[in-house]
Amino acid sequence: MKKNKITIAILITIAFLIAVLLIPFDIVHRSDGGTTIYNSVTYSVTKLHEIKTMEHTEAATHETTTVYNDGWIIYIFGIKIYENISETTVVGHGT
């Protein structure tokens, strides 16, 4: 019976340590267009959606050109293992 209690205690401890290491505890929402950063002890994942530039290209039609950076960046133990960032251009017309 004592062996079962020790086994259960060890399993609960291991489950707790895995949860602490893998569940993100710090979620940051930046006001740069929508970037979200998920941090845990062992990794960091960034969902990038930031406004790179915004230009008013045509004053007569109120045309605005906005350039966004979109993508993902993943770090494990502080080492970048994945980066996929693309640039998107959006042309909008105001009234």
PDB file of N, CA and C in Angstrom:
ATOM      1  N   MET A   1       0.815  -1.195   0.000  1.00  0.00           N
ATOM      2  CA  MET A   1       0.000   0.000   0.000  1.00  0.00           C
ATOM      3  C   MET A   1       0.856   1.256   0.000  1.00  0.00           C
ATOM      4  N   LYS A   2       1.950   1.208   0.759  1.00  0.00           N
ATOM      5  CA  LYS A   2       2.840   2.359   0.835  1.00  0.00           C
ATOM      6  C   LYS A   2       3.502   2.621  -0.521  1.00  0.00           C
ATOM      7  N   LYS A   3       3.790   1.561  -1.263  1.00  0.00           N
ATOM      8  CA  LYS A   3       4.415   1.689  -2.583  1.00  0.00           C
ATOM      9  C   LYS A   3       3.467   2.398  -3.553  1.00  0.00           C
ATOM     10  N   ASN A   4       2.163   2.124  -3.478  1.00  0.00           N
ATOM     11  CA  ASN A   4       1.178   2.782  -4.341  1.00  0.00           C
ATOM     12  C   ASN A   4       1.109   4.282  -4.058  1.00  0.00           C
ATOM     13  N   LYS A   5       1.171   4.678  -2.785  1.00  0.00           N
ATOM     14  CA  LYS A   5       1.131   6.094  -2.429  1.00  0.00           C
ATOM     15  C   LYS A   5       2.362   6.825  -2.950  1.00  0.00           C
ATOM     16  N   ILE A   6       3.503   6.188  -2.878  1.00  0.00           N
ATOM     17  CA  ILE A   6       4.735   6.804  -3.390  1.00  0.00           C
ATOM     18  C   ILE A   6       4.654   6.945  -4.910  1.00  0.00           C
ATOM     19  N   THR A   7       4.152   5.920  -5.593  1.00  0.00           N
ATOM     20  CA  THR A   7       3.998   5.975  -7.047  1.00  0.00           C
ATOM     21  C   THR A   7       3.031   7.077  -7.453  1.00  0.00           C
ATOM     22  N   ILE A   8       1.932   7.195  -6.746  1.00  0.00           N
ATOM     23  CA  ILE A   8       0.960   8.256  -7.056  1.00  0.00           C
ATOM     24  C   ILE A   8       1.567   9.629  -6.811  1.00  0.00           C
ATOM     25  N   ALA A   9       2.326   9.792  -5.735  1.00  0.00           N
ATOM     26  CA  ALA A   9       2.976  11.072  -5.436  1.00  0.00           C
ATOM     27  C   ALA A   9       3.987  11.433  -6.519  1.00  0.00           C
ATOM     28  N   ILE A  10       4.736  10.455  -6.985  1.00  0.00           N
ATOM     29  CA  ILE A  10       5.714  10.707  -8.050  1.00  0.00           C
ATOM     30  C   ILE A  10       5.000  11.095  -9.346  1.00  0.00           C
ATOM     31  N   LEU A  11       3.922  10.414  -9.699  1.00  0.00           N
ATOM     32  CA  LEU A  11       3.171  10.745 -10.920  1.00  0.00           C
ATOM     33  C   LEU A  11       2.560  12.143 -10.845  1.00  0.00           C
ATOM     34  N   ILE A  12       2.032  12.512  -9.694  1.00  0.00           N
ATOM     35  CA  ILE A  12       1.476  13.863  -9.532  1.00  0.00           C
ATOM     36  C   ILE A  12       2.574  14.912  -9.651  1.00  0.00           C
ATOM     37  N   THR A  13       3.727  14.655  -9.072  1.00  0.00           N
ATOM     38  CA  THR A  13       4.864  15.575  -9.167  1.00  0.00           C
ATOM     39  C   THR A  13       5.326  15.731 -10.605  1.00  0.00           C
ATOM     40  N   ILE A  14       5.431  14.638 -11.331  1.00  0.00           N
ATOM     41  CA  ILE A  14       5.852  14.688 -12.740  1.00  0.00           C
ATOM     42  C   ILE A  14       4.829  15.451 -13.575  1.00  0.00           C
ATOM     43  N   ALA A  15       3.544  15.196 -13.344  1.00  0.00           N
ATOM     44  CA  ALA A  15       2.504  15.920 -14.088  1.00  0.00           C
ATOM     45  C   ALA A  15       2.566  17.419 -13.801  1.00  0.00           C
ATOM     46  N   PHE A  16       2.799  17.782 -12.554  1.00  0.00           N
ATOM     47  CA  PHE A  16       2.920  19.193 -12.192  1.00  0.00           C
ATOM     48  C   PHE A  16       4.129  19.842 -12.875  1.00  0.00           C
ATOM     49  N   LEU A  17       5.269  19.161 -12.882  1.00  0.00           N
ATOM     50  CA  LEU A  17       6.469  19.707 -13.525  1.00  0.00           C
ATOM     51  C   LEU A  17       6.280  19.865 -15.032  1.00  0.00           C
ATOM     52  N   ILE A  18       5.642  18.909 -15.666  1.00  0.00           N
ATOM     53  CA  ILE A  18       5.372  19.016 -17.103  1.00  0.00           C
ATOM     54  C   ILE A  18       4.459  20.204 -17.384  1.00  0.00           C
ATOM     55  N   ALA A  19       3.436  20.377 -16.554  1.00  0.00           N
ATOM     56  CA  ALA A  19       2.524  21.512 -16.732  1.00  0.00           C
ATOM     57  C   ALA A  19       3.266  22.835 -16.578  1.00  0.00           C
ATOM     58  N   VAL A  20       4.134  22.944 -15.586  1.00  0.00           N
ATOM     59  CA  VAL A  20       4.889  24.185 -15.366  1.00  0.00           C
ATOM     60  C   VAL A  20       5.819  24.464 -16.537  1.00  0.00           C
ATOM     61  N   LEU A  21       6.433  23.437 -17.094  1.00  0.00           N
ATOM     62  CA  LEU A  21       7.393  23.630 -18.177  1.00  0.00           C
ATOM     63  C   LEU A  21       6.735  23.892 -19.527  1.00  0.00           C
ATOM     64  N   LEU A  22       5.542  23.388 -19.771  1.00  0.00           N
ATOM     65  CA  LEU A  22       4.966  23.445 -21.111  1.00  0.00           C
ATOM     66  C   LEU A  22       3.783  24.388 -21.275  1.00  0.00           C
ATOM     67  N   ILE A  23       3.084  24.724 -20.229  1.00  0.00           N
ATOM     68  CA  ILE A  23       1.922  25.604 -20.361  1.00  0.00           C
ATOM     69  C   ILE A  23       2.395  27.056 -20.329  1.00  0.00           C
ATOM     70  N   PRO A  24       2.001  27.858 -21.326  1.00  0.00           N
ATOM     71  CA  PRO A  24       2.439  29.259 -21.328  1.00  0.00           C
ATOM     72  C   PRO A  24       1.842  30.021 -20.150  1.00  0.00           C
ATOM     73  N   PHE A  25       2.702  30.738 -19.439  1.00  0.00           N
ATOM     74  CA  PHE A  25       2.253  31.499 -18.287  1.00  0.00           C
ATOM     75  C   PHE A  25       2.193  32.989 -18.564  1.00  0.00           C
ATOM     76  N   ASP A  26       2.811  33.418 -19.639  1.00  0.00           N
ATOM     77  CA  ASP A  26       2.867  34.839 -19.952  1.00  0.00           C
ATOM     78  C   ASP A  26       2.425  35.028 -21.400  1.00  0.00           C
ATOM     79  N   ILE A  27       1.264  35.634 -21.590  1.00  0.00           N
ATOM     80  CA  ILE A  27       0.752  35.892 -22.933  1.00  0.00           C
ATOM     81  C   ILE A  27       0.710  37.402 -23.115  1.00  0.00           C
ATOM     82  N   VAL A  28       1.444  37.892 -24.109  1.00  0.00           N
ATOM     83  CA  VAL A  28       1.573  39.325 -24.346  1.00  0.00           C
ATOM     84  C   VAL A  28       0.891  39.667 -25.660  1.00  0.00           C
ATOM     85  N   HIS A  29       0.017  40.658 -25.621  1.00  0.00           N
ATOM     86  CA  HIS A  29      -0.611  41.166 -26.832  1.00  0.00           C
ATOM     87  C   HIS A  29      -0.033  42.556 -27.089  1.00  0.00           C
ATOM     88  N   ARG A  30       0.730  42.671 -28.161  1.00  0.00           N
ATOM     89  CA  ARG A  30       1.330  43.959 -28.483  1.00  0.00           C
ATOM     90  C   ARG A  30       0.354  44.800 -29.297  1.00  0.00           C
ATOM     91  N   SER A  31       0.519  46.104 -29.220  1.00  0.00           N
ATOM     92  CA  SER A  31      -0.364  47.009 -29.961  1.00  0.00           C
ATOM     93  C   SER A  31       0.300  47.476 -31.254  1.00  0.00           C
ATOM     94  N   ASP A  32       1.016  46.586 -31.924  1.00  0.00           N
ATOM     95  CA  ASP A  32       1.703  46.918 -33.171  1.00  0.00           C
ATOM     96  C   ASP A  32       0.944  46.406 -34.391  1.00  0.00           C
ATOM     97  N   GLY A  33      -0.283  45.997 -34.203  1.00  0.00           N
ATOM     98  CA  GLY A  33      -1.073  45.453 -35.300  1.00  0.00           C
ATOM     99  C   GLY A  33      -1.658  44.103 -34.967  1.00  0.00           C
ATOM    100  N   GLY A  34      -1.228  43.492 -33.871  1.00  0.00           N
ATOM    101  CA  GLY A  34      -1.820  42.230 -33.456  1.00  0.00           C
ATOM    102  C   GLY A  34      -0.842  41.130 -33.107  1.00  0.00           C
ATOM    103  N   THR A  35       0.419  41.429 -32.830  1.00  0.00           N
ATOM    104  CA  THR A  35       1.387  40.413 -32.455  1.00  0.00           C
ATOM    105  C   THR A  35       1.046  39.841 -31.084  1.00  0.00           C
ATOM    106  N   THR A  36       1.119  38.504 -30.967  1.00  0.00           N
ATOM    107  CA  THR A  36       0.880  37.824 -29.700  1.00  0.00           C
ATOM    108  C   THR A  36       2.084  36.946 -29.389  1.00  0.00           C
ATOM    109  N   ILE A  37       2.563  37.019 -28.139  1.00  0.00           N
ATOM    110  CA  ILE A  37       3.721  36.236 -27.704  1.00  0.00           C
ATOM    111  C   ILE A  37       3.284  35.320 -26.565  1.00  0.00           C
ATOM    112  N   TYR A  38       3.571  34.027 -26.713  1.00  0.00           N
ATOM    113  CA  TYR A  38       3.282  33.029 -25.690  1.00  0.00           C
ATOM    114  C   TYR A  38       4.614  32.572 -25.095  1.00  0.00           C
ATOM    115  N   ASN A  39       4.805  32.726 -23.776  1.00  0.00           N
ATOM    116  CA  ASN A  39       6.049  32.355 -23.107  1.00  0.00           C
ATOM    117  C   ASN A  39       5.801  31.273 -22.073  1.00  0.00           C
ATOM    118  N   SER A  40       6.719  30.324 -22.003  1.00  0.00           N
ATOM    119  CA  SER A  40       6.745  29.365 -20.906  1.00  0.00           C
ATOM    120  C   SER A  40       8.204  29.242 -20.468  1.00  0.00           C
ATOM    121  N   VAL A  41       8.473  28.349 -19.556  1.00  0.00           N
ATOM    122  CA  VAL A  41       9.838  28.181 -19.065  1.00  0.00           C
ATOM    123  C   VAL A  41      10.745  27.647 -20.170  1.00  0.00           C
ATOM    124  N   THR A  42      10.222  26.758 -21.008  1.00  0.00           N
ATOM    125  CA  THR A  42      11.068  26.073 -21.990  1.00  0.00           C
ATOM    126  C   THR A  42      10.967  26.624 -23.411  1.00  0.00           C
ATOM    127  N   TYR A  43       9.934  27.389 -23.731  1.00  0.00           N
ATOM    128  CA  TYR A  43       9.780  27.843 -25.108  1.00  0.00           C
ATOM    129  C   TYR A  43       9.105  29.212 -25.161  1.00  0.00           C
ATOM    130  N   SER A  44       9.172  29.818 -26.354  1.00  0.00           N
ATOM    131  CA  SER A  44       8.480  31.067 -26.644  1.00  0.00           C
ATOM    132  C   SER A  44       7.975  30.984 -28.079  1.00  0.00           C
ATOM    133  N   VAL A  45       6.696  31.301 -28.275  1.00  0.00           N
ATOM    134  CA  VAL A  45       6.102  31.298 -29.609  1.00  0.00           C
ATOM    135  C   VAL A  45       5.545  32.688 -29.871  1.00  0.00           C
ATOM    136  N   THR A  46       5.920  33.266 -31.013  1.00  0.00           N
ATOM    137  CA  THR A  46       5.442  34.588 -31.392  1.00  0.00           C
ATOM    138  C   THR A  46       4.626  34.465 -32.665  1.00  0.00           C
ATOM    139  N   LYS A  47       3.365  34.884 -32.612  1.00  0.00           N
ATOM    140  CA  LYS A  47       2.506  34.999 -33.799  1.00  0.00           C
ATOM    141  C   LYS A  47       2.587  36.454 -34.209  1.00  0.00           C
ATOM    142  N   LEU A  48       3.350  36.710 -35.256  1.00  0.00           N
ATOM    143  CA  LEU A  48       3.671  38.064 -35.676  1.00  0.00           C
ATOM    144  C   LEU A  48       2.613  38.604 -36.642  1.00  0.00           C
ATOM    145  N   HIS A  49       2.089  39.768 -36.334  1.00  0.00           N
ATOM    146  CA  HIS A  49       1.220  40.517 -37.239  1.00  0.00           C
ATOM    147  C   HIS A  49       1.417  41.987 -36.876  1.00  0.00           C
ATOM    148  N   GLU A  50       2.420  42.579 -37.513  1.00  0.00           N
ATOM    149  CA  GLU A  50       2.766  43.950 -37.170  1.00  0.00           C
ATOM    150  C   GLU A  50       2.722  44.846 -38.406  1.00  0.00           C
ATOM    151  N   ILE A  51       2.373  46.093 -38.172  1.00  0.00           N
ATOM    152  CA  ILE A  51       2.386  47.081 -39.247  1.00  0.00           C
ATOM    153  C   ILE A  51       3.825  47.545 -39.411  1.00  0.00           C
ATOM    154  N   LYS A  52       4.380  47.293 -40.590  1.00  0.00           N
ATOM    155  CA  LYS A  52       5.757  47.687 -40.853  1.00  0.00           C
ATOM    156  C   LYS A  52       5.807  49.149 -41.283  1.00  0.00           C
ATOM    157  N   THR A  53       5.010  49.504 -42.284  1.00  0.00           N
ATOM    158  CA  THR A  53       4.942  50.891 -42.743  1.00  0.00           C
ATOM    159  C   THR A  53       3.516  51.217 -43.165  1.00  0.00           C
ATOM    160  N   MET A  54       3.195  52.502 -43.086  1.00  0.00           N
ATOM    161  CA  MET A  54       1.896  52.976 -43.551  1.00  0.00           C
ATOM    162  C   MET A  54       2.158  54.311 -44.246  1.00  0.00           C
ATOM    163  N   GLU A  55       1.790  54.391 -45.507  1.00  0.00           N
ATOM    164  CA  GLU A  55       2.051  55.592 -46.286  1.00  0.00           C
ATOM    165  C   GLU A  55       0.770  56.064 -46.963  1.00  0.00           C
ATOM    166  N   HIS A  56       0.574  57.358 -46.973  1.00  0.00           N
ATOM    167  CA  HIS A  56      -0.522  57.954 -47.734  1.00  0.00           C
ATOM    168  C   HIS A  56       0.047  58.262 -49.113  1.00  0.00           C
ATOM    169  N   THR A  57      -0.283  57.406 -50.082  1.00  0.00           N
ATOM    170  CA  THR A  57       0.349  57.480 -51.391  1.00  0.00           C
ATOM    171  C   THR A  57      -0.378  58.395 -52.365  1.00  0.00           C
ATOM    172  N   GLU A  58      -1.657  58.571 -52.199  1.00  0.00           N
ATOM    173  CA  GLU A  58      -2.433  59.372 -53.149  1.00  0.00           C
ATOM    174  C   GLU A  58      -3.360  60.283 -52.359  1.00  0.00           C
ATOM    175  N   ALA A  59      -3.014  61.566 -52.279  1.00  0.00           N
ATOM    176  CA  ALA A  59      -3.781  62.518 -51.473  1.00  0.00           C
ATOM    177  C   ALA A  59      -5.175  62.769 -52.051  1.00  0.00           C
ATOM    178  N   ALA A  60      -5.324  62.763 -53.367  1.00  0.00           N
ATOM    179  CA  ALA A  60      -6.610  63.077 -53.991  1.00  0.00           C
ATOM    180  C   ALA A  60      -7.660  62.007 -53.708  1.00  0.00           C
ATOM    181  N   THR A  61      -7.250  60.736 -53.643  1.00  0.00           N
ATOM    182  CA  THR A  61      -8.198  59.633 -53.418  1.00  0.00           C
ATOM    183  C   THR A  61      -8.105  59.072 -52.000  1.00  0.00           C
ATOM    184  N   HIS A  62      -7.292  59.672 -51.173  1.00  0.00           N
ATOM    185  CA  HIS A  62      -7.081  59.206 -49.797  1.00  0.00           C
ATOM    186  C   HIS A  62      -6.595  57.755 -49.762  1.00  0.00           C
ATOM    187  N   GLU A  63      -5.769  57.391 -50.732  1.00  0.00           N
ATOM    188  CA  GLU A  63      -5.251  56.024 -50.808  1.00  0.00           C
ATOM    189  C   GLU A  63      -4.127  55.839 -49.786  1.00  0.00           C
ATOM    190  N   THR A  64      -4.192  54.740 -49.048  1.00  0.00           N
ATOM    191  CA  THR A  64      -3.176  54.423 -48.050  1.00  0.00           C
ATOM    192  C   THR A  64      -2.601  53.044 -48.345  1.00  0.00           C
ATOM    193  N   THR A  65      -1.276  52.953 -48.343  1.00  0.00           N
ATOM    194  CA  THR A  65      -0.606  51.676 -48.525  1.00  0.00           C
ATOM    195  C   THR A  65      -0.029  51.244 -47.178  1.00  0.00           C
ATOM    196  N   THR A  66      -0.429  50.065 -46.727  1.00  0.00           N
ATOM    197  CA  THR A  66       0.042  49.528 -45.456  1.00  0.00           C
ATOM    198  C   THR A  66       0.789  48.234 -45.716  1.00  0.00           C
ATOM    199  N   VAL A  67       1.962  48.103 -45.116  1.00  0.00           N
ATOM    200  CA  VAL A  67       2.770  46.897 -45.250  1.00  0.00           C
ATOM    201  C   VAL A  67       2.795  46.197 -43.890  1.00  0.00           C
ATOM    202  N   TYR A  68       2.412  44.910 -43.881  1.00  0.00           N
ATOM    203  CA  TYR A  68       2.376  44.101 -42.670  1.00  0.00           C
ATOM    204  C   TYR A  68       3.454  43.027 -42.728  1.00  0.00           C
ATOM    205  N   ASN A  69       4.000  42.677 -41.579  1.00  0.00           N
ATOM    206  CA  ASN A  69       4.802  41.472 -41.422  1.00  0.00           C
ATOM    207  C   ASN A  69       3.924  40.446 -40.727  1.00  0.00           C
ATOM    208  N   ASP A  70       3.769  39.269 -41.331  1.00  0.00           N
ATOM    209  CA  ASP A  70       2.972  38.178 -40.767  1.00  0.00           C
ATOM    210  C   ASP A  70       3.833  36.937 -40.667  1.00  0.00           C
ATOM    211  N   GLY A  71       3.628  36.154 -39.608  1.00  0.00           N
ATOM    212  CA  GLY A  71       4.347  34.890 -39.519  1.00  0.00           C
ATOM    213  C   GLY A  71       4.492  34.385 -38.101  1.00  0.00           C
ATOM    214  N   TRP A  72       5.366  33.404 -37.959  1.00  0.00           N
ATOM    215  CA  TRP A  72       5.622  32.731 -36.690  1.00  0.00           C
ATOM    216  C   TRP A  72       7.111  32.705 -36.405  1.00  0.00           C
ATOM    217  N   ILE A  73       7.464  32.837 -35.117  1.00  0.00           N
ATOM    218  CA  ILE A  73       8.832  32.636 -34.650  1.00  0.00           C
ATOM    219  C   ILE A  73       8.742  31.746 -33.416  1.00  0.00           C
ATOM    220  N   ILE A  74       9.541  30.662 -33.387  1.00  0.00           N
ATOM    221  CA  ILE A  74       9.505  29.721 -32.268  1.00  0.00           C
ATOM    222  C   ILE A  74      10.920  29.548 -31.707  1.00  0.00           C
ATOM    223  N   TYR A  75      11.038  29.717 -30.386  1.00  0.00           N
ATOM    224  CA  TYR A  75      12.285  29.492 -29.664  1.00  0.00           C
ATOM    225  C   TYR A  75      12.073  28.353 -28.681  1.00  0.00           C
ATOM    226  N   ILE A  76      13.037  27.446 -28.592  1.00  0.00           N
ATOM    227  CA  ILE A  76      13.046  26.419 -27.551  1.00  0.00           C
ATOM    228  C   ILE A  76      14.372  26.537 -26.813  1.00  0.00           C
ATOM    229  N   PHE A  77      14.285  26.712 -25.506  1.00  0.00           N
ATOM    230  CA  PHE A  77      15.450  26.960 -24.660  1.00  0.00           C
ATOM    231  C   PHE A  77      16.286  28.129 -25.181  1.00  0.00           C
ATOM    232  N   GLY A  78      15.632  29.153 -25.702  1.00  0.00           N
ATOM    233  CA  GLY A  78      16.306  30.357 -26.172  1.00  0.00           C
ATOM    234  C   GLY A  78      16.944  30.251 -27.548  1.00  0.00           C
ATOM    235  N   ILE A  79      16.785  29.132 -28.219  1.00  0.00           N
ATOM    236  CA  ILE A  79      17.371  28.920 -29.547  1.00  0.00           C
ATOM    237  C   ILE A  79      16.240  28.980 -30.570  1.00  0.00           C
ATOM    238  N   LYS A  80      16.419  29.852 -31.580  1.00  0.00           N
ATOM    239  CA  LYS A  80      15.402  29.973 -32.625  1.00  0.00           C
ATOM    240  C   LYS A  80      15.411  28.717 -33.479  1.00  0.00           C
ATOM    241  N   ILE A  81      14.261  28.020 -33.515  1.00  0.00           N
ATOM    242  CA  ILE A  81      14.192  26.789 -34.306  1.00  0.00           C
ATOM    243  C   ILE A  81      13.293  26.942 -35.527  1.00  0.00           C
ATOM    244  N   TYR A  82      12.462  27.987 -35.544  1.00  0.00           N
ATOM    245  CA  TYR A  82      11.552  28.168 -36.680  1.00  0.00           C
ATOM    246  C   TYR A  82      11.259  29.648 -36.851  1.00  0.00           C
ATOM    247  N   GLU A  83      11.320  30.099 -38.100  1.00  0.00           N
ATOM    248  CA  GLU A  83      10.953  31.471 -38.423  1.00  0.00           C
ATOM    249  C   GLU A  83      10.351  31.490 -39.822  1.00  0.00           C
ATOM    250  N   ASN A  84       9.129  31.968 -39.903  1.00  0.00           N
ATOM    251  CA  ASN A  84       8.444  32.083 -41.179  1.00  0.00           C
ATOM    252  C   ASN A  84       7.707  33.421 -41.170  1.00  0.00           C
ATOM    253  N   ILE A  85       8.329  34.429 -41.757  1.00  0.00           N
ATOM    254  CA  ILE A  85       7.757  35.773 -41.778  1.00  0.00           C
ATOM    255  C   ILE A  85       7.611  36.196 -43.230  1.00  0.00           C
ATOM    256  N   SER A  86       6.404  36.676 -43.566  1.00  0.00           N
ATOM    257  CA  SER A  86       6.166  37.174 -44.910  1.00  0.00           C
ATOM    258  C   SER A  86       5.674  38.604 -44.826  1.00  0.00           C
ATOM    259  N   GLU A  87       5.857  39.326 -45.902  1.00  0.00           N
ATOM    260  CA  GLU A  87       5.444  40.724 -45.973  1.00  0.00           C
ATOM    261  C   GLU A  87       4.211  40.829 -46.871  1.00  0.00           C
ATOM    262  N   THR A  88       3.172  41.501 -46.373  1.00  0.00           N
ATOM    263  CA  THR A  88       1.928  41.658 -47.111  1.00  0.00           C
ATOM    264  C   THR A  88       1.654  43.136 -47.284  1.00  0.00           C
ATOM    265  N   THR A  89       1.281  43.536 -48.512  1.00  0.00           N
ATOM    266  CA  THR A  89       0.958  44.931 -48.797  1.00  0.00           C
ATOM    267  C   THR A  89      -0.535  45.044 -49.058  1.00  0.00           C
ATOM    268  N   VAL A  90      -1.161  46.004 -48.367  1.00  0.00           N
ATOM    269  CA  VAL A  90      -2.599  46.244 -48.509  1.00  0.00           C
ATOM    270  C   VAL A  90      -2.784  47.698 -48.906  1.00  0.00           C
ATOM    271  N   VAL A  91      -3.549  47.911 -49.980  1.00  0.00           N
ATOM    272  CA  VAL A  91      -3.857  49.256 -50.436  1.00  0.00           C
ATOM    273  C   VAL A  91      -5.327  49.527 -50.122  1.00  0.00           C
ATOM    274  N   GLY A  92      -5.571  50.581 -49.339  1.00  0.00           N
ATOM    275  CA  GLY A  92      -6.934  50.913 -48.954  1.00  0.00           C
ATOM    276  C   GLY A  92      -7.311  52.286 -49.454  1.00  0.00           C
ATOM    277  N   HIS A  93      -8.589  52.474 -49.696  1.00  0.00           N
ATOM    278  CA  HIS A  93      -9.101  53.756 -50.178  1.00  0.00           C
ATOM    279  C   HIS A  93     -10.038  54.328 -49.125  1.00  0.00           C
ATOM    280  N   GLY A  94      -9.782  55.532 -48.715  1.00  0.00           N
ATOM    281  CA  GLY A  94     -10.656  56.204 -47.768  1.00  0.00           C
ATOM    282  C   GLY A  94     -11.761  56.965 -48.484  1.00  0.00           C
ATOM    283  N   THR A  95     -12.645  57.575 -47.711  1.00  0.00           N
ATOM    284  CA  THR A  95     -13.728  58.344 -48.318  1.00  0.00           C
ATOM    285  C   THR A  95     -13.533  59.813 -48.075  1.00  0.00           C
TER     286      THR A  95
END
